[in-house]
Structures are given as structure tokens and as C-alpha cells.
N, C-alpha and C. Protein backbone atom coordinates (compact mmCIF):
# COMPACT_ATOMS: atom_id res chain seq x y z
N MET A 1 -20.28 -2.82 14.24
CA MET A 1 -19.69 -2.40 12.97
C MET A 1 -19.36 -3.62 12.12
N GLU A 2 -19.75 -3.57 10.87
CA GLU A 2 -19.44 -4.67 9.96
C GLU A 2 -18.03 -4.53 9.42
N VAL A 3 -17.61 -5.47 8.62
CA VAL A 3 -16.26 -5.46 8.04
C VAL A 3 -16.17 -4.38 6.97
N VAL A 4 -15.10 -3.58 7.01
CA VAL A 4 -14.87 -2.53 6.02
C VAL A 4 -13.89 -3.07 4.99
N HIS A 5 -14.27 -2.97 3.71
CA HIS A 5 -13.43 -3.48 2.62
C HIS A 5 -12.99 -2.31 1.75
N LYS A 6 -11.65 -2.15 1.58
CA LYS A 6 -11.11 -1.09 0.74
C LYS A 6 -9.96 -1.63 -0.10
N ILE A 7 -9.68 -0.94 -1.22
CA ILE A 7 -8.62 -1.35 -2.13
C ILE A 7 -7.58 -0.23 -2.24
N GLY A 8 -6.30 -0.62 -2.24
CA GLY A 8 -5.21 0.33 -2.45
C GLY A 8 -4.31 -0.18 -3.56
N ARG A 9 -3.77 0.75 -4.35
CA ARG A 9 -2.88 0.35 -5.45
C ARG A 9 -1.62 1.19 -5.43
N ARG A 10 -0.52 0.58 -5.91
CA ARG A 10 0.75 1.29 -6.06
C ARG A 10 1.55 0.55 -7.12
N LYS A 11 1.96 1.26 -8.18
CA LYS A 11 2.60 0.63 -9.33
C LYS A 11 1.71 -0.50 -9.84
N THR A 12 2.17 -1.76 -9.81
CA THR A 12 1.31 -2.85 -10.26
C THR A 12 0.78 -3.67 -9.09
N ALA A 13 1.01 -3.22 -7.85
CA ALA A 13 0.54 -3.95 -6.67
C ALA A 13 -0.89 -3.54 -6.34
N VAL A 14 -1.71 -4.53 -5.98
CA VAL A 14 -3.10 -4.28 -5.58
C VAL A 14 -3.32 -4.94 -4.23
N ALA A 15 -3.82 -4.16 -3.27
CA ALA A 15 -4.07 -4.66 -1.93
C ALA A 15 -5.55 -4.53 -1.59
N ARG A 16 -6.16 -5.63 -1.16
CA ARG A 16 -7.54 -5.62 -0.69
C ARG A 16 -7.49 -5.80 0.82
N VAL A 17 -8.09 -4.84 1.54
CA VAL A 17 -8.01 -4.82 3.00
C VAL A 17 -9.41 -5.02 3.59
N TYR A 18 -9.49 -5.91 4.58
CA TYR A 18 -10.73 -6.16 5.31
C TYR A 18 -10.49 -5.80 6.76
N LEU A 19 -11.15 -4.74 7.24
CA LEU A 19 -10.91 -4.20 8.58
C LEU A 19 -12.10 -4.52 9.47
N SER A 20 -11.84 -5.12 10.63
CA SER A 20 -12.91 -5.43 11.58
C SER A 20 -12.42 -5.13 12.99
N PRO A 21 -13.32 -4.84 13.92
CA PRO A 21 -12.90 -4.56 15.30
C PRO A 21 -12.20 -5.77 15.90
N GLY A 22 -11.12 -5.54 16.65
CA GLY A 22 -10.37 -6.66 17.22
C GLY A 22 -9.24 -6.20 18.10
N LYS A 23 -8.17 -7.02 18.13
CA LYS A 23 -7.05 -6.78 19.04
C LYS A 23 -5.80 -6.22 18.35
N GLY A 24 -5.86 -5.94 17.05
CA GLY A 24 -4.70 -5.38 16.36
C GLY A 24 -3.88 -6.39 15.60
N GLU A 25 -4.46 -7.54 15.26
CA GLU A 25 -3.74 -8.55 14.49
C GLU A 25 -3.81 -8.21 13.00
N ILE A 26 -2.65 -8.21 12.34
CA ILE A 26 -2.59 -7.92 10.91
C ILE A 26 -2.11 -9.17 10.19
N THR A 27 -2.95 -9.66 9.27
CA THR A 27 -2.63 -10.86 8.49
C THR A 27 -2.51 -10.47 7.02
N VAL A 28 -1.36 -10.79 6.41
CA VAL A 28 -1.14 -10.48 4.99
C VAL A 28 -0.97 -11.80 4.24
N ASN A 29 -1.86 -12.07 3.30
CA ASN A 29 -1.85 -13.33 2.53
C ASN A 29 -1.74 -14.55 3.45
N LYS A 30 -2.55 -14.58 4.49
CA LYS A 30 -2.63 -15.67 5.47
C LYS A 30 -1.34 -15.87 6.25
N ARG A 31 -0.49 -14.84 6.31
CA ARG A 31 0.72 -14.87 7.11
C ARG A 31 0.73 -13.65 8.02
N LYS A 32 1.47 -13.72 9.12
CA LYS A 32 1.59 -12.58 10.01
C LYS A 32 2.34 -11.45 9.30
N LEU A 33 2.06 -10.22 9.74
CA LEU A 33 2.70 -9.05 9.13
C LEU A 33 4.22 -9.16 9.18
N GLU A 34 4.77 -9.62 10.32
CA GLU A 34 6.22 -9.70 10.50
C GLU A 34 6.85 -10.76 9.59
N ASP A 35 6.08 -11.77 9.22
CA ASP A 35 6.59 -12.81 8.33
C ASP A 35 6.56 -12.37 6.87
N TYR A 36 5.56 -11.57 6.50
CA TYR A 36 5.42 -11.16 5.10
C TYR A 36 6.30 -9.95 4.79
N PHE A 37 6.17 -8.88 5.59
CA PHE A 37 7.02 -7.70 5.45
C PHE A 37 8.09 -7.79 6.53
N THR A 38 9.27 -8.32 6.17
CA THR A 38 10.28 -8.66 7.16
C THR A 38 11.06 -7.46 7.69
N THR A 39 11.20 -6.39 6.90
CA THR A 39 12.02 -5.25 7.35
C THR A 39 11.18 -4.25 8.14
N ALA A 40 11.84 -3.55 9.05
CA ALA A 40 11.16 -2.57 9.91
C ALA A 40 10.53 -1.41 9.14
N PRO A 41 11.20 -0.84 8.10
CA PRO A 41 10.56 0.27 7.38
C PRO A 41 9.25 -0.14 6.70
N LEU A 42 9.19 -1.35 6.17
CA LEU A 42 7.95 -1.80 5.52
C LEU A 42 6.84 -2.00 6.56
N GLN A 43 7.19 -2.56 7.71
CA GLN A 43 6.21 -2.74 8.78
C GLN A 43 5.71 -1.38 9.28
N TYR A 44 6.62 -0.42 9.35
CA TYR A 44 6.24 0.94 9.77
C TYR A 44 5.26 1.56 8.77
N LYS A 45 5.53 1.37 7.46
CA LYS A 45 4.65 1.91 6.42
C LYS A 45 3.24 1.36 6.57
N VAL A 46 3.14 0.05 6.83
CA VAL A 46 1.82 -0.59 6.93
C VAL A 46 1.07 -0.08 8.17
N LYS A 47 1.80 0.11 9.28
CA LYS A 47 1.15 0.51 10.53
C LYS A 47 0.95 2.02 10.66
N GLN A 48 1.47 2.79 9.72
CA GLN A 48 1.43 4.25 9.80
C GLN A 48 0.02 4.83 9.95
N PRO A 49 -0.98 4.37 9.17
CA PRO A 49 -2.34 4.94 9.35
C PRO A 49 -2.89 4.72 10.76
N PHE A 50 -2.58 3.58 11.38
CA PHE A 50 -3.04 3.30 12.74
C PHE A 50 -2.33 4.20 13.74
N ALA A 51 -1.02 4.40 13.55
CA ALA A 51 -0.25 5.23 14.48
C ALA A 51 -0.73 6.67 14.44
N LEU A 52 -0.99 7.19 13.25
CA LEU A 52 -1.42 8.59 13.13
C LEU A 52 -2.82 8.82 13.68
N THR A 53 -3.71 7.83 13.53
CA THR A 53 -5.08 7.98 14.03
C THR A 53 -5.26 7.42 15.44
N GLU A 54 -4.16 6.94 16.04
CA GLU A 54 -4.16 6.41 17.42
C GLU A 54 -5.14 5.24 17.58
N ASN A 55 -5.10 4.31 16.64
CA ASN A 55 -5.93 3.10 16.68
C ASN A 55 -5.05 1.86 16.54
N VAL A 56 -3.92 1.82 17.24
CA VAL A 56 -2.92 0.78 17.02
C VAL A 56 -3.48 -0.62 17.28
N ASP A 57 -4.17 -0.85 18.37
CA ASP A 57 -4.67 -2.19 18.72
C ASP A 57 -6.20 -2.27 18.67
N ALA A 58 -6.83 -1.44 17.86
CA ALA A 58 -8.29 -1.38 17.85
C ALA A 58 -8.93 -2.29 16.79
N TYR A 59 -8.19 -2.62 15.73
CA TYR A 59 -8.78 -3.34 14.61
C TYR A 59 -7.93 -4.54 14.19
N ASP A 60 -8.62 -5.60 13.75
CA ASP A 60 -7.97 -6.73 13.11
C ASP A 60 -8.00 -6.48 11.60
N VAL A 61 -6.90 -6.80 10.93
CA VAL A 61 -6.79 -6.52 9.50
C VAL A 61 -6.46 -7.81 8.77
N LYS A 62 -7.22 -8.08 7.70
CA LYS A 62 -6.92 -9.20 6.81
C LYS A 62 -6.64 -8.59 5.44
N VAL A 63 -5.45 -8.90 4.89
CA VAL A 63 -5.02 -8.28 3.64
C VAL A 63 -4.75 -9.35 2.60
N ASN A 64 -5.27 -9.13 1.38
CA ASN A 64 -4.88 -9.91 0.22
C ASN A 64 -4.14 -8.96 -0.71
N VAL A 65 -2.88 -9.27 -1.00
CA VAL A 65 -2.08 -8.38 -1.85
C VAL A 65 -1.36 -9.20 -2.90
N TYR A 66 -1.31 -8.67 -4.12
CA TYR A 66 -0.61 -9.36 -5.21
C TYR A 66 -0.05 -8.34 -6.18
N GLY A 67 0.91 -8.76 -6.98
CA GLY A 67 1.50 -7.91 -8.01
C GLY A 67 2.59 -7.03 -7.46
N GLY A 68 3.50 -6.62 -8.33
CA GLY A 68 4.55 -5.68 -7.94
C GLY A 68 5.58 -6.29 -7.02
N GLY A 69 6.36 -5.42 -6.41
CA GLY A 69 7.39 -5.84 -5.47
C GLY A 69 6.94 -5.62 -4.04
N ILE A 70 7.83 -5.90 -3.11
CA ILE A 70 7.48 -5.86 -1.70
C ILE A 70 7.20 -4.44 -1.21
N THR A 71 7.95 -3.45 -1.71
CA THR A 71 7.73 -2.06 -1.29
C THR A 71 6.42 -1.52 -1.86
N GLY A 72 6.16 -1.81 -3.14
CA GLY A 72 4.91 -1.38 -3.75
C GLY A 72 3.71 -2.00 -3.05
N GLN A 73 3.86 -3.25 -2.63
CA GLN A 73 2.78 -3.92 -1.91
C GLN A 73 2.53 -3.26 -0.56
N ALA A 74 3.62 -2.92 0.16
CA ALA A 74 3.46 -2.26 1.46
C ALA A 74 2.77 -0.92 1.31
N GLU A 75 3.11 -0.17 0.28
CA GLU A 75 2.49 1.13 0.07
C GLU A 75 1.04 1.00 -0.40
N ALA A 76 0.73 -0.06 -1.13
CA ALA A 76 -0.66 -0.32 -1.52
C ALA A 76 -1.50 -0.64 -0.29
N VAL A 77 -0.94 -1.44 0.63
CA VAL A 77 -1.65 -1.77 1.87
C VAL A 77 -1.86 -0.50 2.69
N ARG A 78 -0.85 0.36 2.73
CA ARG A 78 -0.96 1.61 3.50
C ARG A 78 -2.10 2.49 2.96
N LEU A 79 -2.21 2.60 1.64
CA LEU A 79 -3.27 3.41 1.03
C LEU A 79 -4.64 2.82 1.35
N ALA A 80 -4.77 1.50 1.25
CA ALA A 80 -6.04 0.85 1.54
C ALA A 80 -6.44 1.03 3.00
N LEU A 81 -5.48 0.90 3.91
CA LEU A 81 -5.76 1.10 5.34
C LEU A 81 -6.17 2.55 5.62
N SER A 82 -5.51 3.50 4.97
CA SER A 82 -5.85 4.90 5.15
C SER A 82 -7.28 5.18 4.69
N ARG A 83 -7.64 4.59 3.56
CA ARG A 83 -9.01 4.76 3.05
C ARG A 83 -10.02 4.14 4.00
N ALA A 84 -9.68 2.99 4.57
CA ALA A 84 -10.58 2.32 5.51
C ALA A 84 -10.75 3.13 6.78
N MET A 85 -9.66 3.74 7.27
CA MET A 85 -9.74 4.56 8.48
C MET A 85 -10.63 5.78 8.25
N CYS A 86 -10.59 6.34 7.04
CA CYS A 86 -11.46 7.48 6.71
C CYS A 86 -12.91 7.05 6.62
N HIS A 87 -13.15 5.83 6.14
CA HIS A 87 -14.51 5.31 6.04
C HIS A 87 -15.11 5.11 7.44
N ILE A 88 -14.29 4.65 8.37
CA ILE A 88 -14.75 4.40 9.74
C ILE A 88 -15.08 5.71 10.44
N ASN A 89 -14.15 6.68 10.35
CA ASN A 89 -14.35 7.97 11.02
C ASN A 89 -13.85 9.07 10.11
N GLU A 90 -14.72 9.97 9.72
CA GLU A 90 -14.38 11.03 8.77
C GLU A 90 -13.34 12.01 9.33
N GLU A 91 -13.23 12.08 10.67
CA GLU A 91 -12.25 12.98 11.29
C GLU A 91 -10.81 12.51 11.05
N ASN A 92 -10.63 11.22 10.77
CA ASN A 92 -9.29 10.70 10.48
C ASN A 92 -8.70 11.32 9.22
N ARG A 93 -9.57 11.80 8.33
CA ARG A 93 -9.13 12.39 7.07
C ARG A 93 -8.23 13.61 7.32
N GLU A 94 -8.58 14.40 8.35
CA GLU A 94 -7.82 15.61 8.66
C GLU A 94 -6.40 15.28 9.12
N VAL A 95 -6.20 14.08 9.68
CA VAL A 95 -4.87 13.66 10.14
C VAL A 95 -4.07 13.03 9.00
N LEU A 96 -4.74 12.19 8.19
CA LEU A 96 -4.05 11.42 7.15
C LEU A 96 -3.74 12.23 5.89
N LYS A 97 -4.61 13.17 5.54
CA LYS A 97 -4.45 13.93 4.30
C LYS A 97 -3.14 14.74 4.27
N PRO A 98 -2.80 15.50 5.33
CA PRO A 98 -1.54 16.26 5.28
C PRO A 98 -0.29 15.38 5.17
N GLU A 99 -0.37 14.14 5.64
CA GLU A 99 0.76 13.21 5.55
C GLU A 99 0.89 12.59 4.17
N GLY A 100 -0.12 12.81 3.31
CA GLY A 100 -0.09 12.28 1.94
C GLY A 100 -0.48 10.82 1.84
N LEU A 101 -1.15 10.29 2.85
CA LEU A 101 -1.50 8.87 2.86
C LEU A 101 -2.77 8.56 2.07
N LEU A 102 -3.52 9.58 1.69
CA LEU A 102 -4.75 9.34 0.93
C LEU A 102 -4.55 9.60 -0.56
N THR A 103 -3.32 9.90 -0.96
CA THR A 103 -3.02 10.19 -2.36
C THR A 103 -2.52 8.93 -3.06
N ARG A 104 -3.14 8.59 -4.16
CA ARG A 104 -2.71 7.44 -4.97
C ARG A 104 -1.52 7.89 -5.79
N ASP A 105 -0.36 7.28 -5.58
CA ASP A 105 0.85 7.66 -6.31
C ASP A 105 0.72 7.19 -7.76
N PRO A 106 0.66 8.11 -8.73
CA PRO A 106 0.37 7.71 -10.11
C PRO A 106 1.57 7.19 -10.89
N ARG A 107 2.77 7.23 -10.29
CA ARG A 107 3.96 6.86 -11.05
C ARG A 107 3.97 5.37 -11.37
N MET A 108 4.10 5.08 -12.67
CA MET A 108 4.14 3.70 -13.14
C MET A 108 5.39 3.53 -14.00
N VAL A 109 5.73 2.28 -14.28
CA VAL A 109 6.87 2.00 -15.14
C VAL A 109 6.52 2.41 -16.57
N GLU A 110 7.41 3.16 -17.20
CA GLU A 110 7.18 3.59 -18.57
C GLU A 110 7.38 2.41 -19.52
N ARG A 111 6.54 2.32 -20.53
CA ARG A 111 6.61 1.17 -21.43
C ARG A 111 7.84 1.25 -22.32
N LYS A 112 8.32 0.07 -22.73
CA LYS A 112 9.44 -0.01 -23.66
C LYS A 112 8.92 0.31 -25.06
N LYS A 113 9.69 1.13 -25.79
CA LYS A 113 9.31 1.47 -27.16
C LYS A 113 10.08 0.60 -28.15
N PHE A 114 9.45 0.34 -29.30
CA PHE A 114 10.10 -0.47 -30.33
C PHE A 114 11.26 0.31 -30.92
N GLY A 115 12.29 -0.40 -31.37
CA GLY A 115 13.47 0.25 -31.94
C GLY A 115 14.39 0.84 -30.89
N GLN A 116 14.09 0.56 -29.62
CA GLN A 116 14.93 1.03 -28.52
C GLN A 116 15.25 -0.13 -27.60
N LYS A 117 16.30 0.07 -26.78
CA LYS A 117 16.71 -0.98 -25.86
C LYS A 117 15.76 -1.08 -24.68
N LYS A 118 15.39 0.09 -24.11
CA LYS A 118 14.45 0.15 -22.98
C LYS A 118 13.48 1.29 -23.23
N ALA A 119 12.87 1.83 -22.19
CA ALA A 119 11.89 2.89 -22.38
C ALA A 119 12.52 4.15 -22.98
N ARG A 120 13.69 4.51 -22.47
CA ARG A 120 14.37 5.71 -22.96
C ARG A 120 15.73 5.43 -23.58
N LYS A 121 16.35 4.34 -23.16
CA LYS A 121 17.69 4.01 -23.66
C LYS A 121 17.59 3.55 -25.11
N LYS A 122 18.53 4.06 -25.91
CA LYS A 122 18.56 3.70 -27.33
C LYS A 122 19.67 2.70 -27.58
N PHE A 123 19.60 2.05 -28.75
CA PHE A 123 20.73 1.23 -29.18
C PHE A 123 21.90 2.15 -29.52
N GLN A 124 23.11 1.63 -29.40
CA GLN A 124 24.29 2.46 -29.66
C GLN A 124 24.29 2.95 -31.11
N PHE A 125 24.51 4.25 -31.28
CA PHE A 125 24.50 4.85 -32.61
C PHE A 125 25.91 4.78 -33.22
N SER A 126 25.98 4.30 -34.45
CA SER A 126 27.26 4.23 -35.15
C SER A 126 27.18 5.10 -36.40
N LYS A 127 28.05 6.09 -36.48
CA LYS A 127 28.03 7.01 -37.62
C LYS A 127 28.62 6.33 -38.86
N ARG A 128 29.66 5.50 -38.63
CA ARG A 128 30.28 4.81 -39.77
C ARG A 128 30.27 3.31 -39.54
């Protein structure tokens, strides 16, 4: 099997994932997963597609991720890994789809409008 390349996005974060057969090593921006995503919930999010498809130590993962914050990046990596698992074996889709891991979350930051303080917040109104 050759290297599988997939892209995942969340908010402004973009993750490029390269999946190859191996021992289960995950490298994010040339650092270990535990060094890049330091908290347990973020590490769980990244490993979730492997746990659901029962491929925890089957593949080596190389990830390039940029943009957004740390949570958005973790969720972008999760989407890319889910897409890669579906590419490898189509039966994985039946496991990942009900969990919502193949859905691109469309929520983005709303733009700031002119004449306002933020996207929805207005400047204080003075009647007199």
C-alpha cells in the first residue's frame, strides 16, 4: 500500500495527513503527538478514528497542520484521518459516519461589519 494523503479543515485550520503502514507513530509538524497536542482530550480527538476502526497501532501518521487554534487543528486532523481510513477500507465509513467524523463542520467566525464594534455588537447608542 502506498502513502494515503488526505486534507481536513476546521474553522481556519488546515491539516494534511500522510498515512502509511507502520507501528502507530503519529508525528504532527515534526513533533510527537504528545508534544504538540498536550492535553488528553485533544489527543483523544486525534486518535478517535483509529479507536473506532480498531487500527490503533496499524499505521504511521505524518501531519502538517497550520492556521487556527489548537482545538481547531485537532479537529482538522481528526477529519483528515477519518477520510484516510475510509479511503483505505470502505467498510470504515459505516463506523465513522454515525459518529459524525466524516462531516466537515461549516461553522466559521462571522466577519466584522463596518459601523459596528464586532460582528454583532454595536457601538453604544446615545439618544441625547
